Amino acid sequence: MRSLPLPLALTARLTPVVVLACAGWAMSSGPLTDKQDTAAKDTQKTQTEKSSGPSSTAVSKTYAAAPAPCTGVAAKTIASLVPGAKAAGKEIPSTDTELRRTCSWNALKGYDYRWLDISFEIAESDDAATSSYKERTGEKSGGGAVPGLGDAAYSVVNLTTEDKQQTREGVVIARVSNALVVVNYNGSDFETKKAPTTDEINKGAIKAAKEAVAALQNSRKS
């Protein structure tokens, strides 16, 4: 049986933002009296303490780390989208699990093959996540917005054919504050050489994305 091209987890490289704070003080010229010396030291201490405190311009992140991806979708959803797959899934190794985590499910039942990937990616800020979201959705033409999913969401479905075997893949990208949720869902029928319908793949990918976004939001409460 010929192997199918498998979807790759999307990755993002993030550049941390370093915020520097500094403060100084001015001292009067000439010799100081004891009272003036004490006042100057007190002023210096106060200003030093202020300068060492947290900066008001520091970036606030809603999500600091990626949640466990293999529990991001309910077992019954896995059974429906990837018949025959183990509900536990398999987490794909990541170079930084705080910033990026992906879980994968795949199975062949009879002649029907299905594959599902769910990724959580954490950006340094909402602006950084928005920039990444726009870049990725801009690279995938032919799709459309998914209303009511995160702060913004986009889905697209494409059909590929290799050696007369069709494979249809759906991708959903959702932004939630400084996090991205990316879902890849595809399928093939090895008996008919046909792929599942666009509607089936698109609805399946969106269903998985909605559960993954809910899991991300719940991870902040726990």
C-alpha atoms as a PDB file:
ATOM      1  CA  MET A   1       0.000   0.000   0.000  1.00  0.00           C
ATOM      2  CA  ARG A   2       1.402   3.374  -1.021  1.00  0.00           C
ATOM      3  CA  SER A   3       2.141   5.819   1.762  1.00  0.00           C
ATOM      4  CA  LEU A   4       0.407   9.173   1.724  1.00  0.00           C
ATOM      5  CA  PRO A   5       2.021  12.556   2.174  1.00  0.00           C
ATOM      6  CA  LEU A   6       1.424  13.425   5.750  1.00  0.00           C
ATOM      7  CA  PRO A   7       0.669  16.954   7.000  1.00  0.00           C
ATOM      8  CA  LEU A   8       3.450  18.647   8.893  1.00  0.00           C
ATOM      9  CA  ALA A   9       2.864  20.570  12.170  1.00  0.00           C
ATOM     10  CA  LEU A  10       3.279  24.269  11.550  1.00  0.00           C
ATOM     11  CA  THR A  11       6.027  26.003  13.445  1.00  0.00           C
ATOM     12  CA  ALA A  12       6.814  29.549  14.363  1.00  0.00           C
ATOM     13  CA  ARG A  13      10.030  31.179  15.499  1.00  0.00           C
ATOM     14  CA  LEU A  14       9.594  33.730  18.084  1.00  0.00           C
ATOM     15  CA  THR A  15      11.857  36.522  19.111  1.00  0.00           C
ATOM     16  CA  PRO A  16      11.625  37.596  22.786  1.00  0.00           C
ATOM     17  CA  VAL A  17      11.160  41.229  23.650  1.00  0.00           C
ATOM     18  CA  VAL A  18      13.478  42.655  26.274  1.00  0.00           C
ATOM     19  CA  VAL A  19      12.312  45.712  28.162  1.00  0.00           C
ATOM     20  CA  LEU A  20      14.938  47.853  29.862  1.00  0.00           C
ATOM     21  CA  ALA A  21      14.209  50.382  32.589  1.00  0.00           C
ATOM     22  CA  CYS A  22      16.639  52.980  33.855  1.00  0.00           C
ATOM     23  CA  ALA A  23      16.603  55.924  36.213  1.00  0.00           C
ATOM     24  CA  GLY A  24      19.096  58.524  37.367  1.00  0.00           C
ATOM     25  CA  TRP A  25      19.306  61.310  39.851  1.00  0.00           C
ATOM     26  CA  ALA A  26      20.961  64.698  40.097  1.00  0.00           C
ATOM     27  CA  MET A  27      22.985  65.850  43.071  1.00  0.00           C
ATOM     28  CA  SER A  28      23.665  69.495  43.957  1.00  0.00           C
ATOM     29  CA  SER A  29      27.247  70.764  43.868  1.00  0.00           C
ATOM     30  CA  GLY A  30      29.234  71.869  46.895  1.00  0.00           C
ATOM     31  CA  PRO A  31      29.626  70.310  50.341  1.00  0.00           C
ATOM     32  CA  LEU A  32      26.508  68.834  51.947  1.00  0.00           C
ATOM     33  CA  THR A  33      25.315  69.247  55.463  1.00  0.00           C
ATOM     34  CA  ASP A  34      24.345  66.157  57.466  1.00  0.00           C
ATOM     35  CA  LYS A  35      20.642  66.796  56.741  1.00  0.00           C
ATOM     36  CA  GLN A  36      21.299  67.382  53.074  1.00  0.00           C
ATOM     37  CA  ASP A  37      23.426  64.256  52.903  1.00  0.00           C
ATOM     38  CA  THR A  38      20.694  62.152  54.534  1.00  0.00           C
ATOM     39  CA  ALA A  39      18.008  63.600  52.222  1.00  0.00           C
ATOM     40  CA  ALA A  40      20.152  62.918  49.176  1.00  0.00           C
ATOM     41  CA  LYS A  41      20.683  59.307  50.227  1.00  0.00           C
ATOM     42  CA  ASP A  42      16.949  58.827  50.853  1.00  0.00           C
ATOM     43  CA  THR A  43      16.148  60.266  47.435  1.00  0.00           C
ATOM     44  CA  GLN A  44      18.747  58.031  45.820  1.00  0.00           C
ATOM     45  CA  LYS A  45      17.314  54.945  47.571  1.00  0.00           C
ATOM     46  CA  THR A  46      13.760  55.754  46.534  1.00  0.00           C
ATOM     47  CA  GLN A  47      14.713  56.318  42.906  1.00  0.00           C
ATOM     48  CA  THR A  48      16.809  53.149  42.837  1.00  0.00           C
ATOM     49  CA  GLU A  49      13.896  51.098  44.180  1.00  0.00           C
ATOM     50  CA  LYS A  50      11.616  52.564  41.522  1.00  0.00           C
ATOM     51  CA  SER A  51      14.094  51.798  38.769  1.00  0.00           C
ATOM     52  CA  SER A  52      14.407  48.157  39.875  1.00  0.00           C
ATOM     53  CA  GLY A  53      10.648  47.590  39.889  1.00  0.00           C
ATOM     54  CA  PRO A  54       8.639  46.095  36.989  1.00  0.00           C
ATOM     55  CA  SER A  55       8.336  48.255  33.906  1.00  0.00           C
ATOM     56  CA  SER A  56       4.887  49.558  33.043  1.00  0.00           C
ATOM     57  CA  THR A  57       5.687  48.951  29.374  1.00  0.00           C
ATOM     58  CA  ALA A  58       6.251  45.185  29.778  1.00  0.00           C
ATOM     59  CA  VAL A  59       4.221  42.996  27.412  1.00  0.00           C
ATOM     60  CA  SER A  60       1.378  41.121  29.098  1.00  0.00           C
ATOM     61  CA  LYS A  61       0.821  37.611  27.705  1.00  0.00           C
ATOM     62  CA  THR A  62      -2.551  35.891  28.063  1.00  0.00           C
ATOM     63  CA  TYR A  63      -0.999  32.477  27.441  1.00  0.00           C
ATOM     64  CA  ALA A  64       2.486  31.748  28.745  1.00  0.00           C
ATOM     65  CA  ALA A  65       2.775  28.122  27.581  1.00  0.00           C
ATOM     66  CA  ALA A  66       1.165  25.697  25.158  1.00  0.00           C
ATOM     67  CA  PRO A  67      -1.313  23.259  26.765  1.00  0.00           C
ATOM     68  CA  ALA A  68      -1.203  19.478  26.314  1.00  0.00           C
ATOM     69  CA  PRO A  69      -2.379  18.964  22.706  1.00  0.00           C
ATOM     70  CA  CYS A  70      -3.463  15.327  22.941  1.00  0.00           C
ATOM     71  CA  THR A  71      -6.248  16.210  25.381  1.00  0.00           C
ATOM     72  CA  GLY A  72      -7.430  19.126  23.255  1.00  0.00           C
ATOM     73  CA  VAL A  73     -10.124  17.076  21.495  1.00  0.00           C
ATOM     74  CA  ALA A  74     -12.705  14.733  23.014  1.00  0.00           C
ATOM     75  CA  ALA A  75     -12.341  10.987  22.527  1.00  0.00           C
ATOM     76  CA  LYS A  76     -15.722  10.773  20.775  1.00  0.00           C
ATOM     77  CA  THR A  77     -14.581  13.445  18.312  1.00  0.00           C
ATOM     78  CA  ILE A  78     -11.441  11.461  17.525  1.00  0.00           C
ATOM     79  CA  ALA A  79     -13.570   8.332  17.001  1.00  0.00           C
ATOM     80  CA  SER A  80     -15.763  10.281  14.584  1.00  0.00           C
ATOM     81  CA  LEU A  81     -13.037  12.072  12.624  1.00  0.00           C
ATOM     82  CA  VAL A  82     -10.362   9.350  12.648  1.00  0.00           C
ATOM     83  CA  PRO A  83     -12.148   5.972  12.919  1.00  0.00           C
ATOM     84  CA  GLY A  84      -9.866   3.316  14.377  1.00  0.00           C
ATOM     85  CA  ALA A  85      -7.357   5.746  15.888  1.00  0.00           C
ATOM     86  CA  LYS A  86      -6.354   5.575  19.536  1.00  0.00           C
ATOM     87  CA  ALA A  87      -7.932   8.441  21.462  1.00  0.00           C
ATOM     88  CA  ALA A  88      -4.645   9.168  23.261  1.00  0.00           C
ATOM     89  CA  GLY A  89      -2.972  10.292  20.049  1.00  0.00           C
ATOM     90  CA  LYS A  90       0.779  10.802  19.691  1.00  0.00           C
ATOM     91  CA  GLU A  91       2.564  14.014  20.633  1.00  0.00           C
ATOM     92  CA  ILE A  92       5.165  15.107  18.106  1.00  0.00           C
ATOM     93  CA  PRO A  93       8.545  16.089  19.626  1.00  0.00           C
ATOM     94  CA  SER A  94       9.136  19.851  19.830  1.00  0.00           C
ATOM     95  CA  THR A  95      12.283  21.883  20.374  1.00  0.00           C
ATOM     96  CA  ASP A  96      10.389  24.055  22.878  1.00  0.00           C
ATOM     97  CA  THR A  97       7.242  22.568  24.424  1.00  0.00           C
ATOM     98  CA  GLU A  98       6.313  25.849  26.112  1.00  0.00           C
ATOM     99  CA  LEU A  99       6.023  27.594  22.767  1.00  0.00           C
ATOM    100  CA  ARG A 100       4.829  24.808  20.480  1.00  0.00           C
ATOM    101  CA  ARG A 101       3.071  21.463  20.998  1.00  0.00           C
ATOM    102  CA  THR A 102       1.394  19.169  18.446  1.00  0.00           C
ATOM    103  CA  CYS A 103      -0.618  15.951  18.691  1.00  0.00           C
ATOM    104  CA  SER A 104      -1.362  13.603  15.812  1.00  0.00           C
ATOM    105  CA  TRP A 105      -3.954  10.892  15.147  1.00  0.00           C
ATOM    106  CA  ASN A 106      -4.115   8.665  12.061  1.00  0.00           C
ATOM    107  CA  ALA A 107      -5.735   5.351  11.139  1.00  0.00           C
ATOM    108  CA  LEU A 108      -6.775   3.163   8.237  1.00  0.00           C
ATOM    109  CA  LYS A 109     -10.189   1.538   8.642  1.00  0.00           C
ATOM    110  CA  GLY A 110     -11.006  -0.725   5.733  1.00  0.00           C
ATOM    111  CA  TYR A 111      -9.917   1.375   2.772  1.00  0.00           C
ATOM    112  CA  ASP A 112     -10.612   4.713   4.443  1.00  0.00           C
ATOM    113  CA  TYR A 113      -7.642   6.687   5.745  1.00  0.00           C
ATOM    114  CA  ARG A 114      -7.834   9.739   8.010  1.00  0.00           C
ATOM    115  CA  TRP A 115      -5.198  11.955   9.613  1.00  0.00           C
ATOM    116  CA  LEU A 116      -5.632  14.758  12.169  1.00  0.00           C
ATOM    117  CA  ASP A 117      -3.029  17.145  13.587  1.00  0.00           C
ATOM    118  CA  ILE A 118      -3.682  19.771  16.270  1.00  0.00           C
ATOM    119  CA  SER A 119      -1.038  22.339  17.224  1.00  0.00           C
ATOM    120  CA  PHE A 120      -0.850  25.020  19.914  1.00  0.00           C
ATOM    121  CA  GLU A 121       1.671  27.811  19.336  1.00  0.00           C
ATOM    122  CA  ILE A 122       2.450  30.627  21.771  1.00  0.00           C
ATOM    123  CA  ALA A 123       3.676  34.014  20.526  1.00  0.00           C
ATOM    124  CA  GLU A 124       5.355  36.730  22.583  1.00  0.00           C
ATOM    125  CA  SER A 125       2.392  39.082  22.218  1.00  0.00           C
ATOM    126  CA  ASP A 126      -1.015  39.548  20.605  1.00  0.00           C
ATOM    127  CA  ASP A 127       0.633  41.622  17.880  1.00  0.00           C
ATOM    128  CA  ALA A 128       3.149  38.869  17.127  1.00  0.00           C
ATOM    129  CA  ALA A 129       0.374  36.261  16.942  1.00  0.00           C
ATOM    130  CA  THR A 130      -1.686  38.532  14.683  1.00  0.00           C
ATOM    131  CA  SER A 131       1.282  39.025  12.365  1.00  0.00           C
ATOM    132  CA  SER A 132       1.875  35.262  12.144  1.00  0.00           C
ATOM    133  CA  TYR A 133      -1.844  34.642  11.568  1.00  0.00           C
ATOM    134  CA  LYS A 134      -1.996  37.133   8.691  1.00  0.00           C
ATOM    135  CA  GLU A 135       1.146  35.728   7.100  1.00  0.00           C
ATOM    136  CA  ARG A 136      -0.113  32.140   7.197  1.00  0.00           C
ATOM    137  CA  THR A 137      -3.641  32.815   6.029  1.00  0.00           C
ATOM    138  CA  GLY A 138      -2.237  34.981   3.252  1.00  0.00           C
ATOM    139  CA  GLU A 139      -0.295  31.975   1.962  1.00  0.00           C
ATOM    140  CA  LYS A 140      -3.450  29.821   1.739  1.00  0.00           C
ATOM    141  CA  SER A 141      -5.822  31.234  -0.862  1.00  0.00           C
ATOM    142  CA  GLY A 142      -9.312  29.989  -1.595  1.00  0.00           C
ATOM    143  CA  GLY A 143     -10.528  29.727   1.997  1.00  0.00           C
ATOM    144  CA  GLY A 144     -12.701  31.883   4.196  1.00  0.00           C
ATOM    145  CA  ALA A 145     -13.268  33.200   7.700  1.00  0.00           C
ATOM    146  CA  VAL A 146     -14.784  31.044  10.443  1.00  0.00           C
ATOM    147  CA  PRO A 147     -17.112  33.292  12.468  1.00  0.00           C
ATOM    148  CA  GLY A 148     -17.172  32.985  16.259  1.00  0.00           C
ATOM    149  CA  LEU A 149     -13.937  31.035  16.569  1.00  0.00           C
ATOM    150  CA  GLY A 150     -11.307  32.776  18.717  1.00  0.00           C
ATOM    151  CA  ASP A 151     -10.359  36.363  17.876  1.00  0.00           C
ATOM    152  CA  ALA A 152      -9.999  35.406  14.204  1.00  0.00           C
ATOM    153  CA  ALA A 153     -10.138  32.127  12.296  1.00  0.00           C
ATOM    154  CA  TYR A 154      -9.687  30.931   8.731  1.00  0.00           C
ATOM    155  CA  SER A 155     -10.361  27.595   6.992  1.00  0.00           C
ATOM    156  CA  VAL A 156      -9.320  26.277   3.604  1.00  0.00           C
ATOM    157  CA  VAL A 157      -9.661  22.888   1.862  1.00  0.00           C
ATOM    158  CA  ASN A 158      -7.461  21.631  -0.983  1.00  0.00           C
ATOM    159  CA  LEU A 159      -7.461  18.525  -3.167  1.00  0.00           C
ATOM    160  CA  THR A 160      -4.266  16.821  -4.354  1.00  0.00           C
ATOM    161  CA  THR A 161      -3.874  13.834  -6.674  1.00  0.00           C
ATOM    162  CA  GLU A 162      -0.863  11.540  -6.890  1.00  0.00           C
ATOM    163  CA  ASP A 163      -0.827   8.356  -8.994  1.00  0.00           C
ATOM    164  CA  LYS A 164      -4.596   8.788  -9.467  1.00  0.00           C
ATOM    165  CA  GLN A 165      -5.110   8.730  -5.689  1.00  0.00           C
ATOM    166  CA  GLN A 166      -6.940  11.759  -4.320  1.00  0.00           C
ATOM    167  CA  THR A 167      -6.298  13.279  -0.907  1.00  0.00           C
ATOM    168  CA  ARG A 168      -8.334  16.167   0.457  1.00  0.00           C
ATOM    169  CA  GLU A 169      -6.893  18.271   3.278  1.00  0.00           C
ATOM    170  CA  GLY A 170      -8.533  20.928   5.409  1.00  0.00           C
ATOM    171  CA  VAL A 171      -6.605  23.507   7.430  1.00  0.00           C
ATOM    172  CA  VAL A 172      -8.033  25.757  10.136  1.00  0.00           C
ATOM    173  CA  ILE A 173      -5.943  28.510  11.720  1.00  0.00           C
ATOM    174  CA  ALA A 174      -7.374  30.344  14.728  1.00  0.00           C
ATOM    175  CA  ARG A 175      -5.882  33.153  16.793  1.00  0.00           C
ATOM    176  CA  VAL A 176      -6.752  33.531  20.469  1.00  0.00           C
ATOM    177  CA  SER A 177      -4.916  36.488  22.040  1.00  0.00           C
ATOM    178  CA  ASN A 178      -1.202  35.621  21.755  1.00  0.00           C
ATOM    179  CA  ALA A 179      -1.801  31.976  20.800  1.00  0.00           C
ATOM    180  CA  LEU A 180      -2.443  30.184  17.515  1.00  0.00           C
ATOM    181  CA  VAL A 181      -4.427  26.952  17.131  1.00  0.00           C
ATOM    182  CA  VAL A 182      -3.671  25.101  13.887  1.00  0.00           C
ATOM    183  CA  VAL A 183      -5.658  22.075  12.706  1.00  0.00           C
ATOM    184  CA  ASN A 184      -4.806  19.849   9.732  1.00  0.00           C
ATOM    185  CA  TYR A 185      -7.343  17.172   8.742  1.00  0.00           C
ATOM    186  CA  ASN A 186      -7.170  14.993   5.626  1.00  0.00           C
ATOM    187  CA  GLY A 187      -8.496  11.781   4.156  1.00  0.00           C
ATOM    188  CA  SER A 188      -8.393   9.330   1.263  1.00  0.00           C
ATOM    189  CA  ASP A 189     -10.271   6.239   0.088  1.00  0.00           C
ATOM    190  CA  PHE A 190      -7.867   3.608  -1.242  1.00  0.00           C
ATOM    191  CA  GLU A 191     -10.613   1.524  -2.820  1.00  0.00           C
ATOM    192  CA  THR A 192     -12.261   4.187  -4.958  1.00  0.00           C
ATOM    193  CA  LYS A 193      -9.145   6.370  -5.239  1.00  0.00           C
ATOM    194  CA  LYS A 194     -11.434   9.252  -4.321  1.00  0.00           C
ATOM    195  CA  ALA A 195     -11.156  11.719  -1.441  1.00  0.00           C
ATOM    196  CA  PRO A 196     -13.831  12.641   1.100  1.00  0.00           C
ATOM    197  CA  THR A 197     -16.025  15.600   0.146  1.00  0.00           C
ATOM    198  CA  THR A 198     -14.944  19.169   0.796  1.00  0.00           C
ATOM    199  CA  ASP A 199     -17.870  19.578   3.185  1.00  0.00           C
ATOM    200  CA  GLU A 200     -16.874  16.541   5.261  1.00  0.00           C
ATOM    201  CA  ILE A 201     -13.244  17.604   5.607  1.00  0.00           C
ATOM    202  CA  ASN A 202     -14.039  21.271   6.250  1.00  0.00           C
ATOM    203  CA  LYS A 203     -16.654  20.531   8.920  1.00  0.00           C
ATOM    204  CA  GLY A 204     -14.359  17.986  10.587  1.00  0.00           C
ATOM    205  CA  ALA A 205     -11.440  20.416  10.728  1.00  0.00           C
ATOM    206  CA  ILE A 206     -13.626  23.204  12.137  1.00  0.00           C
ATOM    207  CA  LYS A 207     -15.140  20.883  14.755  1.00  0.00           C
ATOM    208  CA  ALA A 208     -11.663  19.878  15.957  1.00  0.00           C
ATOM    209  CA  ALA A 209     -10.543  23.526  15.950  1.00  0.00           C
ATOM    210  CA  LYS A 210     -13.494  24.608  18.113  1.00  0.00           C
ATOM    211  CA  GLU A 211     -12.689  21.958  20.723  1.00  0.00           C
ATOM    212  CA  ALA A 212      -8.977  22.815  20.634  1.00  0.00           C
ATOM    213  CA  VAL A 213      -9.686  26.534  21.128  1.00  0.00           C
ATOM    214  CA  ALA A 214     -11.953  25.700  24.083  1.00  0.00           C
ATOM    215  CA  ALA A 215      -9.195  23.514  25.565  1.00  0.00           C
ATOM    216  CA  LEU A 216      -6.695  26.377  25.195  1.00  0.00           C
ATOM    217  CA  GLN A 217      -9.024  28.816  26.940  1.00  0.00           C
ATOM    218  CA  ASN A 218      -9.732  26.331  29.744  1.00  0.00           C
ATOM    219  CA  SER A 219      -5.991  25.776  30.279  1.00  0.00           C
ATOM    220  CA  ARG A 220      -5.693  29.360  31.482  1.00  0.00           C
ATOM    221  CA  LYS A 221      -8.287  28.756  34.201  1.00  0.00           C
ATOM    222  CA  SER A 222      -6.645  25.602  35.569  1.00  0.00           C
END
